Amino acid sequence: MRVMARQRAKSYSWSVFYEQAPEGGYVASVPALPGCHTQGDTIEEAEQNIKEAIALYLESLAAHGEPIPREGRSLQGKVTVPIAIPA
């Protein structure tokens, strides 16, 4: 009889960026987890979907014996760029 090792649950946190999609709804992405993104019709739906996407991402890393990435410092900024547009 095979005994399964007990695993202790651990919580992780990452920055999530939400952008309004041109066609409607929102796109959610996790910069620290490359390729981890999803969408939803509302912010709430996008948030629920990104939580599921992160869980699947981490399960895939674990299945392949890869380490869970740590999030580095995350900054968001906004810049203004003057552009001369011909009339």
Protein backbone atom coordinates (compact mmCIF):
# COMPACT_ATOMS: atom_id res chain seq x y z
CA MET A 1 0.00 0.00 0.00
CA ARG A 2 1.41 3.34 -1.03
CA VAL A 3 1.17 6.21 1.43
CA MET A 4 0.93 9.68 -0.02
CA ALA A 5 3.05 12.35 1.60
CA ARG A 6 1.07 15.11 3.24
CA GLN A 7 1.60 18.46 1.65
CA ARG A 8 1.31 21.67 3.56
CA ALA A 9 -0.56 24.43 1.79
CA LYS A 10 1.39 27.62 1.23
CA SER A 11 0.10 30.93 -0.10
CA TYR A 12 1.94 33.04 -2.65
CA SER A 13 1.21 36.55 -3.89
CA TRP A 14 2.01 38.20 -7.22
CA SER A 15 1.21 41.52 -8.82
CA VAL A 16 -1.58 41.28 -11.37
CA PHE A 17 -2.13 43.89 -14.06
CA TYR A 18 -5.61 44.46 -15.48
CA GLU A 19 -6.13 46.22 -18.79
CA GLN A 20 -9.39 47.11 -20.44
CA ALA A 21 -9.65 45.19 -23.71
CA PRO A 22 -10.63 47.17 -26.85
CA GLU A 23 -13.36 44.63 -27.64
CA GLY A 24 -14.73 44.83 -24.08
CA GLY A 25 -13.90 43.12 -20.83
CA TYR A 26 -10.52 42.97 -19.14
CA VAL A 27 -7.23 41.16 -19.65
CA ALA A 28 -5.32 40.09 -16.54
CA SER A 29 -1.61 39.19 -16.56
CA VAL A 30 1.08 38.29 -14.05
CA PRO A 31 4.45 39.74 -15.15
CA ALA A 32 6.42 37.48 -12.77
CA LEU A 33 4.87 34.37 -14.39
CA PRO A 34 5.62 34.66 -18.13
CA GLY A 35 2.67 33.63 -20.27
CA CYS A 36 0.23 33.62 -17.34
CA HIS A 37 -2.71 35.69 -18.50
CA THR A 38 -6.46 35.44 -18.96
CA GLN A 39 -9.52 37.61 -19.46
CA GLY A 40 -13.00 38.26 -18.14
CA ASP A 41 -16.06 40.33 -18.93
CA THR A 42 -15.69 42.15 -15.59
CA ILE A 43 -12.79 42.91 -13.24
CA GLU A 44 -14.23 40.36 -10.80
CA GLU A 45 -14.39 37.65 -13.47
CA ALA A 46 -10.87 38.47 -14.67
CA GLU A 47 -9.64 38.24 -11.06
CA GLN A 48 -11.24 34.83 -10.54
CA ASN A 49 -9.85 33.62 -13.87
CA ILE A 50 -6.31 34.82 -13.10
CA LYS A 51 -6.39 33.02 -9.75
CA GLU A 52 -7.25 29.80 -11.62
CA ALA A 53 -4.58 30.51 -14.25
CA ILE A 54 -1.94 31.04 -11.53
CA ALA A 55 -2.93 27.77 -9.81
CA LEU A 56 -2.61 25.85 -13.10
CA TYR A 57 0.70 27.57 -13.85
CA LEU A 58 2.10 26.53 -10.46
CA GLU A 59 0.79 22.97 -10.82
CA SER A 60 2.60 22.73 -14.16
CA LEU A 61 5.85 24.01 -12.63
CA ALA A 62 5.56 21.45 -9.81
CA ALA A 63 4.81 18.61 -12.27
CA HIS A 64 8.00 19.47 -14.17
CA GLY A 65 10.11 19.89 -11.02
CA GLU A 66 10.65 23.59 -11.69
CA PRO A 67 10.95 26.17 -8.89
CA ILE A 68 8.21 28.67 -8.16
CA PRO A 69 9.41 32.11 -9.29
CA ARG A 70 9.70 34.88 -6.75
CA GLU A 71 8.37 38.26 -7.73
CA GLY A 72 10.92 41.03 -7.93
CA ARG A 73 10.22 44.67 -7.37
CA SER A 74 7.32 45.78 -9.52
CA LEU A 75 6.73 49.36 -10.59
CA GLN A 76 4.12 50.95 -12.76
CA GLY A 77 4.53 54.33 -14.31
CA LYS A 78 3.04 56.66 -16.85
CA VAL A 79 4.97 58.88 -19.25
CA THR A 80 3.87 61.67 -21.57
CA VAL A 81 5.50 61.90 -24.99
CA PRO A 82 4.93 64.95 -27.19
CA ILE A 83 4.34 64.08 -30.83
CA ALA A 84 3.84 66.46 -33.74
CA ILE A 85 1.07 65.05 -35.93
CA PRO A 86 0.62 66.69 -39.37
CA ALA A 87 -2.84 68.22 -39.83
